[in-house]
Protein backbone atom coordinates (compact mmCIF):
# COMPACT_ATOMS: atom_id res chain seq x y z
CA MET A 1 7.98 -12.53 32.01
CA SER A 2 7.12 -10.42 29.21
CA GLN A 3 8.87 -7.19 30.48
CA THR A 4 12.41 -6.47 29.16
CA LEU A 5 14.45 -5.93 32.23
CA VAL A 6 16.75 -2.71 32.22
CA PRO A 7 19.34 -2.55 34.85
CA ALA A 8 19.28 0.47 37.14
CA ARG A 9 23.05 0.80 36.74
CA VAL A 10 25.57 0.17 34.13
CA SER A 11 29.20 0.13 34.83
CA SER A 12 31.39 2.33 32.60
CA PRO A 13 34.34 0.69 30.60
CA GLY A 14 36.50 3.17 32.53
CA ARG A 15 35.34 1.33 35.85
CA ILE A 16 36.09 -1.85 34.71
CA LEU A 17 39.40 -1.01 33.27
CA SER A 18 40.47 0.33 36.78
CA ARG A 19 39.39 -2.76 38.04
CA GLU A 20 41.62 -4.78 35.66
CA LEU A 21 44.57 -2.34 36.42
CA ASP A 22 44.21 -2.91 40.29
CA ALA A 23 44.05 -6.92 39.81
CA ARG A 24 47.23 -6.68 37.96
CA GLY A 25 48.97 -4.13 40.25
CA TRP A 26 49.40 -1.63 37.45
CA THR A 27 49.16 2.11 37.35
CA GLN A 28 47.61 4.18 34.68
CA LYS A 29 51.05 5.19 33.48
CA ASP A 30 51.95 1.73 33.15
CA LEU A 31 48.88 0.76 30.92
CA ALA A 32 49.96 3.94 28.81
CA VAL A 33 53.38 2.70 28.33
CA ILE A 34 52.17 -0.90 27.46
CA VAL A 35 49.82 0.39 24.82
CA GLU A 36 51.94 3.26 23.73
CA ARG A 37 49.33 5.89 24.55
CA PRO A 38 49.65 9.10 26.25
CA PRO A 39 48.88 8.85 30.08
CA GLN A 40 46.11 11.48 29.78
CA THR A 41 44.41 9.19 27.19
CA ILE A 42 44.27 6.24 29.70
CA ASN A 43 42.93 8.82 32.57
CA GLU A 44 40.18 10.09 30.45
CA ILE A 45 38.99 6.71 29.62
CA VAL A 46 39.14 5.74 33.25
CA LYS A 47 36.85 8.88 34.11
CA GLY A 48 34.55 7.97 31.35
CA LYS A 49 35.51 11.08 29.55
CA LYS A 50 36.87 9.42 26.54
CA GLN A 51 35.11 6.87 24.52
CA ILE A 52 36.92 3.43 23.80
CA THR A 53 37.50 3.37 19.77
CA PRO A 54 37.94 0.12 18.13
CA GLU A 55 41.73 0.77 17.65
CA THR A 56 41.97 1.20 21.43
CA ALA A 57 39.80 -1.81 22.15
CA MET A 58 42.34 -3.91 20.10
CA ASP A 59 45.19 -2.54 22.17
CA LEU A 60 43.68 -3.10 25.33
CA ALA A 61 42.54 -6.58 24.43
CA ALA A 62 46.29 -7.28 23.43
CA ALA A 63 47.29 -6.06 26.66
CA LEU A 64 45.02 -7.60 29.06
CA GLY A 65 44.18 -10.86 27.40
CA THR A 66 40.60 -10.14 26.58
CA SER A 67 38.93 -9.59 23.33
CA ALA A 68 38.35 -6.45 21.46
CA GLU A 69 34.71 -7.07 21.50
CA PHE A 70 34.49 -7.06 25.35
CA TRP A 71 35.49 -3.38 25.10
CA THR A 72 33.37 -2.06 22.31
CA ASN A 73 30.46 -4.03 23.77
CA LEU A 74 30.99 -2.43 27.14
CA GLU A 75 31.27 1.13 25.58
CA ALA A 76 28.34 0.58 23.30
CA ASN A 77 26.34 -0.63 26.39
CA TYR A 78 27.32 2.17 28.57
CA ARG A 79 26.68 5.07 25.97
CA LEU A 80 23.16 3.75 25.19
CA HIS A 81 22.46 3.72 28.76
CA LEU A 82 23.51 7.24 29.04
CA ALA A 83 21.23 8.07 26.39
CA GLN A 84 18.33 6.20 27.80
CA LYS A 85 18.66 7.77 31.02
CA GLU A 86 18.96 11.35 29.45
CA ALA A 87 15.85 10.68 27.49
CA GLY A 88 14.13 9.78 30.81
CA GLN A 89 12.56 6.70 28.98
CA SER A 90 13.28 3.42 27.75
CA SER A 91 13.30 2.62 24.09
CA GLY A 92 10.05 0.78 24.01
CA ASP A 93 8.17 3.87 24.98
CA SER A 94 9.81 6.43 22.99
CA SER A 95 8.18 8.57 20.35
CA ILE A 96 10.56 6.98 17.74
CA SER A 97 9.04 3.66 18.53
CA ARG A 98 5.67 4.88 18.30
CA ARG A 99 6.30 6.60 14.95
CA GLY A 100 7.72 3.48 13.72
CA ARG A 101 4.59 1.57 14.49
CA LEU A 102 2.47 3.91 12.73
CA TYR A 103 4.56 3.60 9.64
CA SER A 104 4.28 -0.13 9.88
CA LEU A 105 0.55 0.38 9.81
CA ALA A 106 0.02 2.64 6.99
CA PRO A 107 1.79 4.36 4.12
CA ILE A 108 2.20 7.84 6.07
CA PRO A 109 4.05 9.90 3.98
CA GLU A 110 1.76 9.24 1.19
CA MET A 111 -1.32 9.53 3.29
CA VAL A 112 0.02 13.31 4.29
CA LYS A 113 0.85 14.27 0.84
CA ARG A 114 -2.34 13.28 -0.47
CA GLY A 115 -4.32 15.02 2.35
CA TRP A 116 -5.82 11.99 3.86
CA ILE A 117 -4.36 12.95 7.20
CA GLU A 118 -2.68 15.93 8.53
CA GLY A 119 1.03 15.94 9.20
CA ALA A 120 2.09 16.46 12.67
CA ASP A 121 5.56 17.02 14.46
CA SER A 122 3.70 15.64 17.75
CA ILE A 123 3.70 11.88 17.87
CA ASP A 124 0.36 12.14 19.72
CA LYS A 125 -1.36 14.20 17.16
CA LEU A 126 -0.10 11.98 14.42
CA GLU A 127 -1.35 8.89 16.37
CA LYS A 128 -4.79 10.76 16.57
CA ALA A 129 -4.90 11.63 12.99
CA VAL A 130 -4.14 7.81 12.01
CA CYS A 131 -6.89 6.51 14.50
CA ASP A 132 -9.27 8.98 13.15
CA PHE A 133 -8.67 7.99 9.59
CA PHE A 134 -9.01 4.20 10.25
CA GLY A 135 -12.03 4.82 12.61
CA VAL A 136 -10.29 2.95 15.82
CA VAL A 137 -9.75 4.80 19.31
CA ARG A 138 -6.31 3.20 19.84
CA ILE A 139 -3.58 2.43 17.46
CA GLU A 140 -3.22 -1.05 18.80
CA GLU A 141 -6.66 -1.96 17.58
CA ALA A 142 -6.74 -4.11 14.44
CA VAL A 143 -8.23 -2.42 11.21
CA GLN A 144 -11.29 -4.44 10.23
CA LEU A 145 -11.66 -4.86 6.58
CA ALA A 146 -12.73 -8.02 5.01
CA VAL A 147 -11.02 -7.80 1.74
CA ASN A 148 -9.95 -10.65 -0.55
CA CYS A 149 -6.53 -9.41 -1.83
CA ARG A 150 -5.16 -11.08 -5.10
CA GLN A 151 -1.73 -9.82 -5.41
CA SER A 152 0.16 -9.93 -8.56
CA GLU A 153 2.64 -12.41 -8.91
CA VAL A 154 5.14 -10.00 -10.41
CA PHE A 155 4.41 -6.95 -8.19
CA GLU A 156 3.54 -8.09 -4.89
CA ALA A 157 1.22 -5.30 -3.21
CA GLU A 158 1.58 -4.06 0.28
CA GLY A 159 -1.32 -5.06 2.49
CA ARG A 160 -0.87 -1.67 4.40
CA ALA A 161 -1.21 0.52 1.43
CA GLN A 162 -4.48 -1.55 0.08
CA ILE A 163 -6.04 -1.33 3.59
CA ALA A 164 -5.36 2.57 3.56
CA TRP A 165 -6.69 2.86 0.14
CA VAL A 166 -9.89 1.01 1.00
CA LYS A 167 -10.36 3.05 4.01
CA ARG A 168 -10.00 6.39 1.98
CA VAL A 169 -12.73 4.96 -0.56
CA GLU A 170 -14.84 4.01 2.35
CA ASN A 171 -14.44 7.47 3.95
CA LEU A 172 -15.49 9.23 0.88
CA VAL A 173 -18.70 7.56 0.22
CA ARG A 174 -20.10 6.72 3.82
CA ASN A 175 -21.76 10.11 3.85
CA ARG A 176 -23.12 10.35 0.09
CA GLU A 177 -26.83 9.68 -0.63
CA VAL A 178 -27.49 6.95 -3.16
CA ALA A 179 -31.02 5.32 -3.93
CA VAL A 180 -31.82 2.14 -2.11
CA PHE A 181 -30.17 -0.87 -3.54
CA ASP A 182 -31.90 -3.66 -5.25
CA ARG A 183 -29.82 -6.19 -6.92
CA ALA A 184 -32.43 -7.41 -9.33
CA LYS A 185 -32.93 -3.57 -10.52
CA LEU A 186 -29.27 -3.10 -11.10
CA ARG A 187 -28.96 -6.48 -13.12
CA ASP A 188 -31.92 -5.07 -15.42
CA ALA A 189 -30.16 -1.65 -15.69
CA ILE A 190 -27.05 -3.11 -17.12
CA PRO A 191 -28.13 -2.43 -20.86
CA ASP A 192 -29.09 1.25 -19.89
CA LEU A 193 -25.63 1.75 -18.23
CA LEU A 194 -23.95 0.46 -21.43
CA GLU A 195 -25.56 3.06 -23.40
CA TYR A 196 -22.64 5.23 -22.07
CA ALA A 197 -20.21 3.05 -23.53
CA ARG A 198 -20.45 4.13 -27.39
CA LYS A 199 -18.90 7.52 -26.58
CA ALA A 200 -15.62 8.39 -24.60
CA GLU A 201 -17.18 11.56 -23.11
CA ASP A 202 -20.19 9.61 -21.86
CA VAL A 203 -18.32 7.87 -18.98
CA ALA A 204 -19.05 11.21 -17.24
CA LEU A 205 -22.82 9.99 -16.80
CA VAL A 206 -21.63 6.85 -15.19
CA PRO A 207 -21.35 7.87 -11.36
CA GLN A 208 -24.98 9.48 -11.22
CA LYS A 209 -26.13 6.55 -13.03
CA LEU A 210 -24.81 4.18 -10.52
CA ALA A 211 -26.04 6.42 -7.59
CA SER A 212 -29.74 6.04 -9.06
CA LEU A 213 -29.15 2.23 -8.89
CA GLY A 214 -28.14 2.52 -5.20
CA VAL A 215 -24.17 1.99 -5.94
CA HIS A 216 -21.64 4.12 -4.44
CA PHE A 217 -18.86 4.96 -6.90
CA ALA A 218 -15.43 6.55 -6.26
CA ILE A 219 -12.10 7.08 -7.94
CA VAL A 220 -8.97 6.91 -5.98
CA PRO A 221 -5.71 6.75 -7.67
CA HIS A 222 -3.82 3.82 -6.24
CA LEU A 223 -1.14 4.03 -3.62
CA GLN A 224 2.59 2.98 -4.35
CA LYS A 225 2.96 -0.75 -4.52
CA THR A 226 -0.68 -1.66 -4.75
CA TYR A 227 -1.13 -2.09 -8.55
CA LEU A 228 -4.97 -2.08 -8.12
CA ASP A 229 -7.33 -1.32 -10.93
CA GLY A 230 -10.66 -1.61 -9.02
CA ALA A 231 -12.57 -2.88 -6.02
CA ALA A 232 -16.09 -3.99 -5.06
CA PHE A 233 -17.19 -4.04 -1.40
CA TYR A 234 -20.08 -3.07 0.91
CA VAL A 235 -20.41 0.01 3.22
CA GLU A 236 -23.22 -0.48 5.83
CA GLY A 237 -25.04 -2.68 3.16
CA THR A 238 -24.78 -0.53 0.36
CA PRO A 239 -22.23 -1.57 -2.45
CA VAL A 240 -19.30 0.30 -3.49
CA VAL A 241 -17.44 0.31 -6.82
CA ALA A 242 -14.08 2.09 -6.79
CA LEU A 243 -11.61 2.54 -9.62
CA THR A 244 -8.06 3.85 -9.51
CA LEU A 245 -7.77 4.52 -13.08
CA ARG A 246 -4.24 3.28 -13.13
CA HIS A 247 -4.68 2.80 -16.61
CA LYS A 248 -6.61 5.69 -18.00
CA ARG A 249 -7.70 3.95 -21.28
CA ILE A 250 -11.36 3.53 -22.21
CA ASP A 251 -11.03 -0.30 -22.73
CA ASN A 252 -9.65 -0.53 -18.88
CA PHE A 253 -12.33 1.64 -17.75
CA TRP A 254 -15.31 -0.05 -18.88
CA PHE A 255 -13.85 -3.68 -18.21
CA THR A 256 -12.82 -2.90 -14.76
CA LEU A 257 -16.12 -1.20 -13.96
CA MET A 258 -18.29 -3.95 -15.28
CA HIS A 259 -16.01 -6.60 -13.60
CA GLU A 260 -16.74 -4.94 -10.26
CA LEU A 261 -20.30 -4.77 -11.04
CA GLY A 262 -20.29 -8.36 -11.67
CA HIS A 263 -19.40 -9.15 -8.35
CA ILE A 264 -22.16 -7.19 -6.88
CA VAL A 265 -24.77 -8.36 -9.58
CA ALA A 266 -23.77 -11.98 -8.95
CA GLY A 267 -23.99 -11.57 -5.14
CA HIS A 268 -20.76 -12.54 -4.22
CA LYS A 269 -20.09 -11.92 -0.48
CA GLY A 270 -17.34 -10.10 1.07
CA SER A 271 -14.99 -7.53 -0.79
CA TYR A 272 -12.75 -7.63 -3.64
CA LEU A 273 -9.63 -5.80 -4.80
CA ASP A 274 -8.71 -6.41 -8.31
CA ASN A 275 -5.64 -6.08 -10.50
CA MET A 276 -7.23 -6.89 -13.90
CA GLU A 277 -3.74 -8.16 -15.06
CA ASN A 278 -4.12 -10.96 -12.72
CA LEU A 279 -7.54 -12.48 -12.76
CA ALA A 280 -9.41 -15.75 -12.68
CA VAL A 281 -7.87 -16.86 -9.45
CA THR A 282 -11.23 -18.01 -7.90
CA GLU A 283 -14.88 -18.85 -8.96
CA GLU A 284 -16.11 -15.66 -8.08
CA GLU A 285 -13.44 -13.78 -10.00
CA ALA A 286 -13.91 -15.97 -13.00
CA GLU A 287 -17.65 -15.28 -12.90
CA ALA A 288 -17.20 -11.55 -12.51
CA ASN A 289 -14.80 -11.51 -15.33
CA GLN A 290 -16.96 -13.42 -17.87
CA LEU A 291 -20.18 -11.31 -17.04
CA ALA A 292 -18.04 -8.23 -17.73
CA ALA A 293 -16.71 -9.63 -20.99
CA ASP A 294 -20.19 -11.00 -22.07
CA TRP A 295 -21.89 -7.38 -21.17
CA LEU A 296 -19.35 -5.45 -23.11
CA LEU A 297 -19.39 -7.39 -26.36
CA GLU A 298 -22.24 -9.99 -27.12
CA PRO A 299 -20.28 -13.23 -26.99
CA GLN A 300 -21.97 -15.10 -30.12
CA ASP A 301 -21.72 -11.91 -32.21
CA LEU A 302 -17.89 -11.66 -31.34
CA SER A 303 -17.23 -15.07 -31.89
CA GLU A 304 -18.62 -14.82 -35.34
CA PHE A 305 -16.84 -11.74 -36.16
CA VAL A 306 -13.21 -13.22 -34.96
CA ALA A 307 -14.16 -16.16 -37.11
CA GLU A 308 -14.78 -14.22 -40.22
CA THR A 309 -12.13 -11.55 -39.74
CA SER A 310 -9.13 -13.11 -38.34
CA PRO A 311 -6.14 -12.55 -38.61
CA TYR A 312 -6.85 -9.16 -40.41
CA PHE A 313 -8.72 -6.83 -38.26
CA SER A 314 -8.76 -3.74 -40.33
CA THR A 315 -9.73 -0.44 -39.09
CA LYS A 316 -13.00 -0.39 -41.00
CA LYS A 317 -14.14 -3.72 -39.78
CA VAL A 318 -13.20 -2.96 -36.05
CA GLN A 319 -15.24 0.13 -36.44
CA GLN A 320 -18.11 -1.32 -38.02
CA PHE A 321 -18.45 -4.19 -35.36
CA SER A 322 -18.21 -1.60 -32.76
CA ILE A 323 -21.06 0.33 -34.13
CA SER A 324 -23.11 -2.90 -34.41
CA GLN A 325 -22.56 -3.53 -30.69
CA ASN A 326 -23.13 0.15 -29.83
CA ARG A 327 -19.69 0.52 -28.32
CA HIS A 328 -16.53 2.50 -28.68
CA PRO A 329 -14.02 0.82 -30.74
CA GLY A 330 -11.51 1.03 -28.17
CA ILE A 331 -13.40 -1.53 -26.18
CA LEU A 332 -13.23 -4.02 -28.93
CA ALA A 333 -9.52 -3.17 -29.48
CA GLY A 334 -8.82 -3.66 -25.90
CA ARG A 335 -10.54 -7.05 -26.15
CA LEU A 336 -8.60 -8.14 -29.01
CA HIS A 337 -5.36 -7.27 -27.38
CA ARG A 338 -6.11 -9.12 -24.06
CA GLU A 339 -6.94 -12.30 -26.13
CA GLU A 340 -3.78 -11.72 -28.06
CA LEU A 341 -5.71 -11.79 -31.45
CA ILE A 342 -3.98 -8.62 -32.54
CA PRO A 343 -0.44 -7.24 -31.73
CA TYR A 344 -0.52 -4.73 -28.94
CA LYS A 345 0.43 -2.03 -31.21
CA ASN A 346 -2.31 -2.34 -33.55
CA HIS A 347 -5.35 -0.05 -33.28
CA ARG A 348 -3.82 1.88 -30.31
CA LYS A 349 -5.55 5.20 -31.64
CA PHE A 350 -8.77 3.73 -30.20
CA LEU A 351 -7.53 3.33 -26.85
CA VAL A 352 -8.39 6.95 -25.78
CA LYS A 353 -7.95 8.19 -22.15
CA VAL A 354 -11.11 9.00 -20.42
CA ASP A 355 -9.73 10.45 -17.10
CA ARG A 356 -10.28 14.20 -18.32
CA TYR A 357 -14.15 13.46 -18.42
CA LEU A 358 -14.10 12.08 -14.80
CA GLU A 359 -12.15 14.94 -13.08
CA GLY A 360 -14.71 15.96 -10.71
CA TRP A 361 -14.66 12.44 -9.52
CA ILE A 362 -11.04 11.80 -8.75
CA ALA A 363 -10.34 12.21 -5.33
CA GLN A 364 -6.64 12.27 -3.99
């Protein structure tokens, strides 16, 4: 049987106590003398007007040869029975349990705070809002998202927050119009896209360029405990690239963007959520990582530059090489940091923030 049986009647501790007194031939006054309590207290316990406290339970146990737990358990079960009876429902069907199920499915408070769903005092309205957000009819339905989540070994991300974040991106881009997607066309257009990687303000031109290539683009800040930088997946056959701008630096923007485009250009199946501080777990991730690195800085040129310049990467040399690559110097500085060729404190002036140029694309 899968149902939990709920007794129709639960005896009160006072009723059990009365039987114990009858079995011993004691009166309530006798018990009051034995436990050194006022007779009125014993009478109120028998009538169910007064609860059995832990101290009283220990006294009854000593007088009647039972355990204190026997009386505290009787009291707790009886009071719970009364509460359920008053509510007119079992705990399994209560609004509390339904609300708990919703909070287990998604980060409800943060979703309400960001305006993804409307907050509601009514559990029915809240359930409907969550169902509408996830695109399901009933809350019991599983949320269908084929996402390969690579979680940080240090900051383990919560799957429910990741799913909600992806659904938010999906809901944002679903009704946007983009050109018909052609993988070969996107691959050939990578050099054109990277023309915007020379000046920080040109990141503002990236979204429309991607739309002209049949790629949806969205920026949704990451939810707590997700630690995501970007994602690549498909909505009705159209590719989506989404960023969080968790790190607002120009190097992180471009490397994350090109990494996600690498998944699409390489024809990787499925969907990917990426923490750029925890990459290269699979062949697909390694390939996307390599494509991004090679697109941003020509590998042979970079190798020769490092060989000729290391370990003294002066400001002038960083700027000159960046100009030769038609790239912002922050992209090179970020690469040198990641490969531990220079201390992280060096050349940080080049790591400009780009979020102000993308304000119109940052959704809540």
